[in-house]
N, C-alpha and C. Protein backbone atom coordinates (compact mmCIF):
# COMPACT_ATOMS: atom_id res chain seq x y z
N MET A 1 0.83 -1.20 -0.02
CA MET A 1 0.16 0.13 0.36
C MET A 1 1.05 1.08 0.04
N LYS A 2 0.64 2.19 -0.87
CA LYS A 2 1.54 3.58 -1.11
C LYS A 2 1.17 4.21 0.40
N VAL A 3 2.43 5.04 0.77
CA VAL A 3 2.48 5.60 2.01
C VAL A 3 0.58 6.71 1.73
N SER A 4 0.51 7.52 0.77
CA SER A 4 -0.42 8.48 0.31
C SER A 4 -1.80 7.57 0.55
N VAL A 5 -1.90 6.44 0.04
CA VAL A 5 -3.08 5.72 0.89
C VAL A 5 -3.36 5.59 1.97
N ALA A 6 -2.18 5.15 2.62
CA ALA A 6 -1.98 4.75 4.17
C ALA A 6 -2.52 6.28 5.15
N LYS A 7 -1.82 7.19 4.68
CA LYS A 7 -2.56 8.44 5.27
C LYS A 7 -3.81 8.61 5.13
N LEU A 8 -4.36 8.52 3.42
CA LEU A 8 -5.69 8.69 3.60
C LEU A 8 -6.30 7.88 4.38
N VAL A 9 -6.39 6.90 4.48
CA VAL A 9 -7.15 5.93 5.40
C VAL A 9 -7.33 6.39 6.67
N SER A 10 -6.08 7.32 7.29
CA SER A 10 -5.88 7.42 8.39
C SER A 10 -6.69 8.80 8.43
N VAL A 11 -6.66 9.61 7.53
CA VAL A 11 -7.48 11.15 7.64
C VAL A 11 -8.78 10.67 7.78
N ILE A 12 -9.34 9.75 6.78
CA ILE A 12 -11.13 9.31 6.70
C ILE A 12 -11.12 8.94 8.09
N LEU A 13 -10.43 8.29 8.54
CA LEU A 13 -11.13 7.55 9.90
C LEU A 13 -10.69 8.75 11.12
N GLU A 14 -9.98 9.43 10.93
CA GLU A 14 -10.02 10.86 12.33
C GLU A 14 -11.03 11.81 12.07
N ARG A 15 -11.63 11.29 10.88
CA ARG A 15 -13.00 12.44 10.01
C ARG A 15 -13.59 11.89 10.53
N MET A 16 -13.90 10.89 10.35
CA MET A 16 -15.24 10.08 10.94
C MET A 16 -15.11 9.86 12.76
N ALA A 17 -14.14 9.78 13.11
CA ALA A 17 -14.27 9.96 14.80
C ALA A 17 -14.50 11.20 15.66
N ALA A 18 -14.28 12.25 14.02
CA ALA A 18 -14.28 13.79 14.99
C ALA A 18 -15.44 14.07 14.77
N THR A 19 -16.47 13.44 14.05
CA THR A 19 -18.09 13.93 13.65
C THR A 19 -18.44 12.86 14.76
N ARG A 20 -19.16 13.37 15.59
CA ARG A 20 -19.68 12.33 16.67
C ARG A 20 -21.01 12.23 16.29
N GLY A 21 -21.39 11.04 16.52
CA GLY A 21 -22.69 10.58 16.25
C GLY A 21 -23.05 10.37 14.60
N LYS A 22 -23.04 11.31 13.91
CA LYS A 22 -23.17 11.39 12.41
C LYS A 22 -21.90 11.29 11.73
N VAL A 23 -21.78 9.95 11.16
CA VAL A 23 -20.92 9.67 10.25
C VAL A 23 -21.12 10.37 8.68
N PRO A 24 -20.34 11.03 8.27
CA PRO A 24 -20.49 11.47 6.82
C PRO A 24 -20.31 10.53 5.63
N THR A 25 -21.48 10.93 4.95
CA THR A 25 -21.42 10.36 3.79
C THR A 25 -20.25 10.08 2.81
N GLU A 26 -20.33 9.25 1.85
CA GLU A 26 -19.14 8.70 0.90
C GLU A 26 -18.93 9.89 0.39
N LYS A 27 -19.88 10.44 -0.36
CA LYS A 27 -19.94 11.39 -1.16
C LYS A 27 -19.47 12.91 -0.63
N ALA A 28 -19.65 12.98 0.61
CA ALA A 28 -19.35 14.47 1.39
C ALA A 28 -17.95 14.26 2.03
N MET A 29 -17.76 12.93 2.11
CA MET A 29 -15.94 12.41 2.37
C MET A 29 -15.21 12.98 0.96
N ARG A 30 -15.57 12.31 0.03
CA ARG A 30 -14.85 12.38 -1.07
C ARG A 30 -14.65 14.00 -1.28
N SER A 31 -15.90 14.35 -1.11
CA SER A 31 -15.58 16.26 -1.78
C SER A 31 -14.67 16.92 -0.82
N PHE A 32 -14.63 16.21 0.50
CA PHE A 32 -13.74 17.05 1.62
C PHE A 32 -12.58 16.48 1.08
N LEU A 33 -12.13 15.47 0.33
CA LEU A 33 -10.98 15.08 0.17
C LEU A 33 -10.21 15.99 -1.00
N LEU A 34 -11.26 15.81 -1.78
CA LEU A 34 -10.63 16.68 -3.13
C LEU A 34 -10.23 18.04 -2.80
N ARG A 35 -11.09 18.77 -1.98
CA ARG A 35 -10.67 20.21 -1.96
C ARG A 35 -9.37 19.77 -0.42
N GLN A 36 -9.09 19.43 0.05
CA GLN A 36 -7.87 19.17 0.58
C GLN A 36 -6.87 19.17 -0.25
N GLY A 37 -6.91 18.51 -1.45
CA GLY A 37 -5.98 18.08 -2.44
C GLY A 37 -5.47 17.06 -2.54
N TYR A 38 -6.34 16.09 -2.20
CA TYR A 38 -5.72 14.75 -2.37
C TYR A 38 -6.13 14.16 -3.87
N ASN A 39 -5.11 13.07 -4.59
CA ASN A 39 -5.72 12.08 -5.46
C ASN A 39 -6.75 11.40 -5.50
N ARG A 40 -7.57 11.59 -6.65
CA ARG A 40 -9.07 10.98 -6.85
C ARG A 40 -8.62 9.68 -6.93
N ASN A 41 -7.28 8.86 -7.47
CA ASN A 41 -7.38 7.34 -7.54
C ASN A 41 -6.45 7.00 -5.98
N ASP A 42 -5.81 7.71 -5.18
CA ASP A 42 -5.57 7.50 -3.72
C ASP A 42 -7.05 7.65 -3.17
N ILE A 43 -7.92 8.37 -3.25
CA ILE A 43 -9.30 8.79 -2.31
C ILE A 43 -10.14 7.30 -2.90
N ASP A 44 -10.33 6.71 -4.18
CA ASP A 44 -11.07 5.69 -4.40
C ASP A 44 -10.59 4.50 -3.43
N SER A 45 -8.78 4.52 -3.69
CA SER A 45 -8.08 3.27 -3.13
C SER A 45 -8.38 3.58 -1.54
N ALA A 46 -8.55 4.20 -0.61
CA ALA A 46 -8.40 4.45 0.66
C ALA A 46 -10.01 3.98 1.07
N ILE A 47 -10.94 4.55 0.18
CA ILE A 47 -12.35 4.22 0.46
C ILE A 47 -12.64 2.92 0.35
N GLU A 48 -11.95 2.33 -0.56
CA GLU A 48 -12.29 0.84 -1.25
C GLU A 48 -11.75 -0.19 0.35
N ILE A 49 -10.60 0.15 0.79
CA ILE A 49 -9.98 -0.59 1.74
C ILE A 49 -10.88 -0.20 3.15
N ILE A 50 -11.29 0.99 3.40
CA ILE A 50 -11.97 1.26 4.63
C ILE A 50 -13.47 0.39 4.37
N ASN A 51 -14.26 0.65 2.68
CA ASN A 51 -15.62 -0.44 3.49
C ASN A 51 -15.07 -1.78 3.41
N THR A 52 -14.22 -2.38 2.65
CA THR A 52 -13.94 -3.40 2.70
C THR A 52 -13.59 -4.00 4.37
N HIS A 53 -13.13 -3.06 4.82
CA HIS A 53 -12.78 -3.70 6.53
C HIS A 53 -13.93 -3.78 7.14
N LEU A 54 -14.68 -2.53 6.62
CA LEU A 54 -16.19 -2.37 7.53
C LEU A 54 -17.30 -3.82 7.05
N ALA A 55 -16.74 -4.03 5.97
CA ALA A 55 -18.03 -4.84 5.89
C ALA A 55 -17.84 -6.07 6.44
N GLN A 56 -16.67 -6.78 6.50
CA GLN A 56 -16.08 -7.81 7.54
C GLN A 56 -16.76 -7.90 8.61
N LYS A 57 -17.63 -9.25 8.99
CA LYS A 57 -18.32 -9.18 9.84
C LYS A 57 -17.19 -10.08 11.03
N PRO A 58 -17.31 -9.56 12.73
CA PRO A 58 -16.39 -10.03 13.31
C PRO A 58 -16.81 -11.55 13.97
N VAL A 59 -15.89 -12.40 14.10
CA VAL A 59 -16.07 -13.47 14.34
C VAL A 59 -16.14 -13.96 15.95
N TYR A 60 -16.83 -14.05 16.33
CA TYR A 60 -16.93 -14.61 18.12
C TYR A 60 -17.21 -16.24 18.06
N THR A 61 -16.29 -16.39 19.47
CA THR A 61 -16.40 -17.87 19.55
C THR A 61 -17.49 -18.16 20.61
N THR A 62 -18.45 -18.92 20.32
CA THR A 62 -19.64 -19.02 21.09
C THR A 62 -19.52 -20.10 22.18
N GLN A 63 -18.15 -20.77 22.32
CA GLN A 63 -18.14 -21.83 23.04
C GLN A 63 -16.76 -21.20 23.54
N ALA A 64 -16.50 -21.92 24.90
CA ALA A 64 -15.50 -21.42 25.90
C ALA A 64 -14.56 -22.69 25.72
N PRO A 65 -13.54 -22.27 25.28
CA PRO A 65 -12.27 -23.33 25.46
C PRO A 65 -12.61 -24.49 26.63
N PRO A 66 -12.35 -26.11 25.85
CA PRO A 66 -12.51 -26.82 26.28
C PRO A 66 -11.56 -27.18 27.79
N VAL A 67 -11.92 -27.25 29.15
CA VAL A 67 -11.09 -27.20 29.93
C VAL A 67 -10.55 -28.64 30.13
N ARG A 68 -9.19 -28.93 30.21
CA ARG A 68 -8.39 -30.55 30.54
C ARG A 68 -8.83 -31.11 31.74
N GLN A 69 -9.34 -32.39 31.86
CA GLN A 69 -9.55 -33.36 33.13
C GLN A 69 -8.49 -33.68 33.52
N LEU A 70 -7.71 -33.63 35.00
CA LEU A 70 -6.69 -33.85 35.05
C LEU A 70 -6.66 -35.28 35.59
N ALA A 71 -5.87 -36.23 35.30
CA ALA A 71 -5.54 -37.27 35.75
C ALA A 71 -5.19 -37.47 37.25
N PHE A 72 -5.63 -38.37 37.97
CA PHE A 72 -5.47 -38.92 39.44
C PHE A 72 -4.12 -38.61 39.64
N TYR A 73 -2.99 -39.02 39.31
CA TYR A 73 -1.60 -38.64 39.61
C TYR A 73 -1.49 -36.92 39.45
N GLU A 74 -1.83 -36.41 38.21
CA GLU A 74 -1.64 -35.06 38.26
C GLU A 74 -2.53 -34.26 39.32
N SER A 75 -3.62 -34.70 39.78
CA SER A 75 -4.32 -33.81 40.21
C SER A 75 -4.18 -34.08 41.82
N THR A 76 -3.04 -35.05 42.21
CA THR A 76 -2.52 -35.38 43.51
C THR A 76 -1.32 -34.32 43.40
N LYS A 77 -0.89 -34.08 42.72
CA LYS A 77 0.64 -33.04 42.63
C LYS A 77 0.41 -31.54 42.80
N ILE A 78 -1.22 -31.51 42.73
CA ILE A 78 -0.94 -29.52 42.65
C ILE A 78 -2.74 -29.44 43.29
N SER A 79 -2.65 -28.32 44.16
CA SER A 79 -3.54 -28.31 44.85
C SER A 79 -4.73 -27.36 44.23
N MET A 80 -5.69 -27.21 44.75
CA MET A 80 -7.19 -27.10 44.15
C MET A 80 -6.82 -25.33 43.87
N GLU A 81 -6.42 -24.79 44.82
CA GLU A 81 -6.19 -23.39 44.24
C GLU A 81 -5.41 -23.15 43.10
N VAL A 82 -4.53 -23.99 43.05
CA VAL A 82 -3.64 -24.02 41.91
C VAL A 82 -4.45 -24.34 40.67
N HIS A 83 -5.21 -25.52 40.81
CA HIS A 83 -5.96 -26.07 39.73
C HIS A 83 -6.78 -24.69 38.90
N GLN A 84 -7.67 -24.37 40.19
CA GLN A 84 -8.44 -22.85 39.53
C GLN A 84 -7.62 -21.93 38.98
N ALA A 85 -6.79 -21.29 39.67
CA ALA A 85 -6.16 -20.67 39.13
C ALA A 85 -5.64 -20.63 37.55
N MET A 86 -4.94 -21.84 37.01
CA MET A 86 -4.93 -22.35 36.04
C MET A 86 -5.98 -22.67 35.34
N THR A 87 -7.06 -22.68 35.50
CA THR A 87 -8.12 -22.88 34.79
C THR A 87 -8.81 -21.21 34.44
N ARG A 88 -8.88 -20.53 35.28
CA ARG A 88 -9.09 -19.03 34.87
C ARG A 88 -8.17 -18.53 34.13
N LEU A 89 -6.96 -18.83 34.52
CA LEU A 89 -5.82 -18.15 33.51
C LEU A 89 -6.28 -18.79 32.05
N GLU A 90 -6.75 -20.11 31.66
CA GLU A 90 -6.79 -20.77 30.41
C GLU A 90 -8.19 -20.14 29.96
N LEU A 91 -9.13 -19.87 30.68
CA LEU A 91 -10.47 -19.26 30.26
C LEU A 91 -10.39 -18.33 29.68
N MET A 92 -9.43 -17.32 30.21
CA MET A 92 -8.87 -15.68 30.06
C MET A 92 -8.39 -15.33 29.11
N GLY A 93 -8.10 -16.80 28.00
CA GLY A 93 -6.85 -16.82 27.52
C GLY A 93 -5.40 -16.46 27.11
N LEU A 94 -5.03 -16.22 28.38
CA LEU A 94 -3.94 -15.88 29.09
C LEU A 94 -2.53 -17.24 29.41
N LEU A 95 -3.39 -18.60 29.35
CA LEU A 95 -2.54 -19.65 28.95
C LEU A 95 -3.01 -20.65 28.17
N ASP A 96 -2.02 -20.72 27.09
CA ASP A 96 -2.34 -21.71 25.60
C ASP A 96 -2.10 -23.27 26.48
N PRO A 97 -2.98 -24.28 25.98
CA PRO A 97 -2.98 -25.08 26.25
C PRO A 97 -1.27 -25.90 26.16
N TYR A 98 -0.37 -25.66 25.48
CA TYR A 98 1.02 -26.10 25.54
C TYR A 98 1.69 -25.61 27.10
N GLU A 99 1.37 -24.40 27.16
CA GLU A 99 1.69 -24.06 28.47
C GLU A 99 1.24 -24.31 29.98
N ARG A 100 0.31 -25.17 29.46
CA ARG A 100 -0.50 -25.55 30.77
C ARG A 100 0.21 -26.57 30.90
N GLU A 101 0.26 -27.55 29.67
CA GLU A 101 1.21 -28.93 29.71
C GLU A 101 2.16 -28.63 30.30
N VAL A 102 3.43 -27.61 30.38
CA VAL A 102 4.50 -27.44 30.14
C VAL A 102 4.37 -27.39 31.95
N LEU A 103 3.64 -26.22 32.17
CA LEU A 103 3.48 -26.13 33.96
C LEU A 103 3.32 -27.68 34.36
N LEU A 104 2.08 -28.22 33.96
CA LEU A 104 2.07 -29.55 34.49
C LEU A 104 2.77 -30.90 35.02
N GLU A 105 3.50 -30.54 33.82
CA GLU A 105 4.92 -31.41 33.73
C GLU A 105 6.14 -31.15 34.71
N ARG A 106 6.19 -29.56 34.90
CA ARG A 106 7.06 -29.04 35.74
C ARG A 106 6.52 -29.39 36.99
N PHE A 107 5.20 -29.32 37.31
CA PHE A 107 4.77 -29.81 39.06
C PHE A 107 4.38 -31.19 39.28
N ILE A 108 4.45 -32.10 37.98
CA ILE A 108 4.36 -33.63 38.56
C ILE A 108 6.05 -33.90 38.35
N HIS A 109 6.91 -33.19 37.96
CA HIS A 109 8.37 -33.86 38.29
C HIS A 109 9.11 -32.95 39.43
N SER A 110 8.48 -32.33 40.36
CA SER A 110 8.73 -31.46 41.75
C SER A 110 8.22 -32.64 42.73
N GLU A 111 8.82 -32.02 43.92
CA GLU A 111 8.55 -32.79 45.05
C GLU A 111 7.56 -32.08 45.76
N GLY A 112 6.78 -33.12 46.33
CA GLY A 112 5.30 -32.37 47.19
C GLY A 112 4.31 -32.29 46.31
N GLN A 113 3.62 -31.39 46.63
CA GLN A 113 2.20 -30.74 46.25
C GLN A 113 2.71 -29.37 45.77
N ALA A 114 2.30 -29.06 44.65
CA ALA A 114 2.38 -27.68 44.14
C ALA A 114 1.49 -26.62 44.65
N ASP A 115 2.00 -25.59 45.28
CA ASP A 115 1.37 -24.67 45.91
C ASP A 115 1.16 -23.30 44.87
N MET A 116 0.23 -22.50 45.61
CA MET A 116 0.64 -21.05 44.95
C MET A 116 1.54 -20.44 44.48
N GLU A 117 2.69 -20.35 45.59
CA GLU A 117 3.66 -20.00 45.28
C GLU A 117 4.94 -20.75 44.33
N SER A 118 4.80 -21.88 44.04
CA SER A 118 5.15 -22.94 43.14
C SER A 118 4.60 -21.99 41.87
N LEU A 119 3.46 -22.14 41.48
CA LEU A 119 2.69 -21.88 40.81
C LEU A 119 3.02 -20.11 39.84
N ASP A 120 2.91 -19.27 41.26
CA ASP A 120 3.90 -18.18 40.62
C ASP A 120 4.91 -18.04 40.13
N PHE A 121 5.77 -19.06 40.81
CA PHE A 121 7.64 -19.04 40.15
C PHE A 121 7.40 -19.49 38.84
N ALA A 122 6.43 -20.66 38.68
CA ALA A 122 6.61 -21.29 37.26
C ALA A 122 6.01 -19.90 36.14
N LEU A 123 5.20 -19.61 36.37
CA LEU A 123 4.35 -18.47 35.55
C LEU A 123 5.29 -17.31 35.37
N SER A 124 5.84 -17.05 36.19
CA SER A 124 7.12 -15.66 36.40
C SER A 124 8.14 -16.15 35.46
N PHE A 125 8.60 -17.62 35.76
CA PHE A 125 9.98 -17.84 34.80
C PHE A 125 9.92 -18.85 33.58
N VAL A 126 8.59 -19.66 33.29
CA VAL A 126 8.13 -20.50 32.53
C VAL A 126 7.53 -19.74 31.68
N VAL A 127 6.36 -19.14 31.70
CA VAL A 127 5.15 -18.41 31.25
C VAL A 127 5.78 -17.08 30.69
N GLY A 128 5.85 -16.39 31.77
CA GLY A 128 6.08 -14.95 31.51
C GLY A 128 6.90 -14.29 30.89
N THR A 129 8.18 -15.13 31.00
CA THR A 129 9.17 -14.69 29.87
C THR A 129 9.14 -14.32 28.37
N ALA A 130 7.84 -15.14 28.01
CA ALA A 130 7.40 -15.16 26.57
C ALA A 130 6.41 -13.97 26.24
N ARG A 131 6.31 -12.95 27.18
CA ARG A 131 5.28 -12.42 27.28
C ARG A 131 5.66 -10.87 27.61
N ASN A 132 4.86 -9.52 26.85
CA ASN A 132 5.52 -8.24 27.21
C ASN A 132 5.09 -8.14 28.83
N ALA A 133 5.45 -6.82 29.04
CA ALA A 133 5.30 -6.53 30.32
C ALA A 133 3.27 -6.33 30.90
N GLU A 134 2.81 -5.88 29.68
CA GLU A 134 1.30 -5.81 29.88
C GLU A 134 0.99 -7.24 30.05
N ALA A 135 0.96 -8.58 29.53
CA ALA A 135 0.36 -9.47 29.48
C ALA A 135 0.97 -10.17 30.97
N GLN A 136 1.88 -9.59 31.02
CA GLN A 136 2.27 -10.56 32.80
C GLN A 136 1.57 -9.58 33.53
N GLN A 137 1.77 -8.55 33.59
CA GLN A 137 0.83 -8.06 34.95
C GLN A 137 -1.10 -8.52 34.68
N THR A 138 -1.73 -8.44 33.24
CA THR A 138 -2.67 -8.84 33.35
C THR A 138 -2.96 -10.47 33.78
N MET A 139 -1.59 -11.26 33.19
CA MET A 139 -1.59 -12.44 33.88
C MET A 139 -1.75 -12.72 35.55
N LEU A 140 -0.79 -11.88 35.81
CA LEU A 140 -0.61 -12.26 37.84
C LEU A 140 -2.17 -11.20 38.25
N THR A 141 -2.62 -10.74 37.79
CA THR A 141 -3.67 -10.12 38.21
C THR A 141 -5.05 -10.66 37.95
N VAL A 142 -4.82 -11.82 37.11
CA VAL A 142 -5.91 -12.67 37.18
C VAL A 142 -5.42 -14.39 37.94
N PHE A 143 -4.15 -14.47 37.79
CA PHE A 143 -3.67 -15.38 39.14
C PHE A 143 -4.18 -15.20 40.55
N GLU A 144 -4.17 -13.76 40.46
CA GLU A 144 -4.36 -13.17 42.04
C GLU A 144 -5.86 -13.65 42.27
N GLY A 145 -6.56 -13.81 41.61
CA GLY A 145 -7.80 -13.67 41.36
C GLY A 145 -9.00 -12.54 41.33
N TYR A 146 -8.50 -11.60 40.65
CA TYR A 146 -9.31 -10.22 39.81
C TYR A 146 -9.48 -10.24 38.69
N SER A 147 -10.11 -9.52 38.24
CA SER A 147 -10.46 -9.60 36.75
C SER A 147 -9.88 -9.03 36.20
N PRO A 148 -9.65 -9.65 34.50
CA PRO A 148 -8.12 -8.60 33.97
C PRO A 148 -8.31 -7.22 33.72
N THR A 149 -7.42 -6.40 33.76
CA THR A 149 -7.62 -5.19 33.54
C THR A 149 -6.87 -5.26 31.85
N LEU A 150 -7.92 -4.73 30.86
CA LEU A 150 -7.48 -4.60 29.64
C LEU A 150 -7.18 -2.74 29.40
N HIS A 151 -5.63 -2.71 28.61
CA HIS A 151 -5.79 -1.62 28.40
C HIS A 151 -5.78 -1.13 26.93
């Protein structure tokens, strides 16, 4: 995409956001952009990009991801609190199935029963290192039992 078309898309979206409540028509937007001195071909391309994007319907998942049942030996290695925290993280989309399995394997091979402190350590060093600071903060907030704060 040309830089001028990308700039035009930005200008159009800013103009649409500036008019609160009433979105300008395509004809009005074209005349505004022509008065601003933009090229007609670039205007056509930018409006086509926006119309294509706005015509797409959002995809929503209607079902929650399946929660894996633990085997007996797995359930004896982690406390109920740890299981609930991992389920919360997974349902919020902050823990992938692969990462869950890595955590479970770590707890299975450790001595004793995993508690919240063990989970905190494992999340910080196993899972958290692959995430940015915002995702780490959200993960720890959900881990502590609060609802996620999305920025």
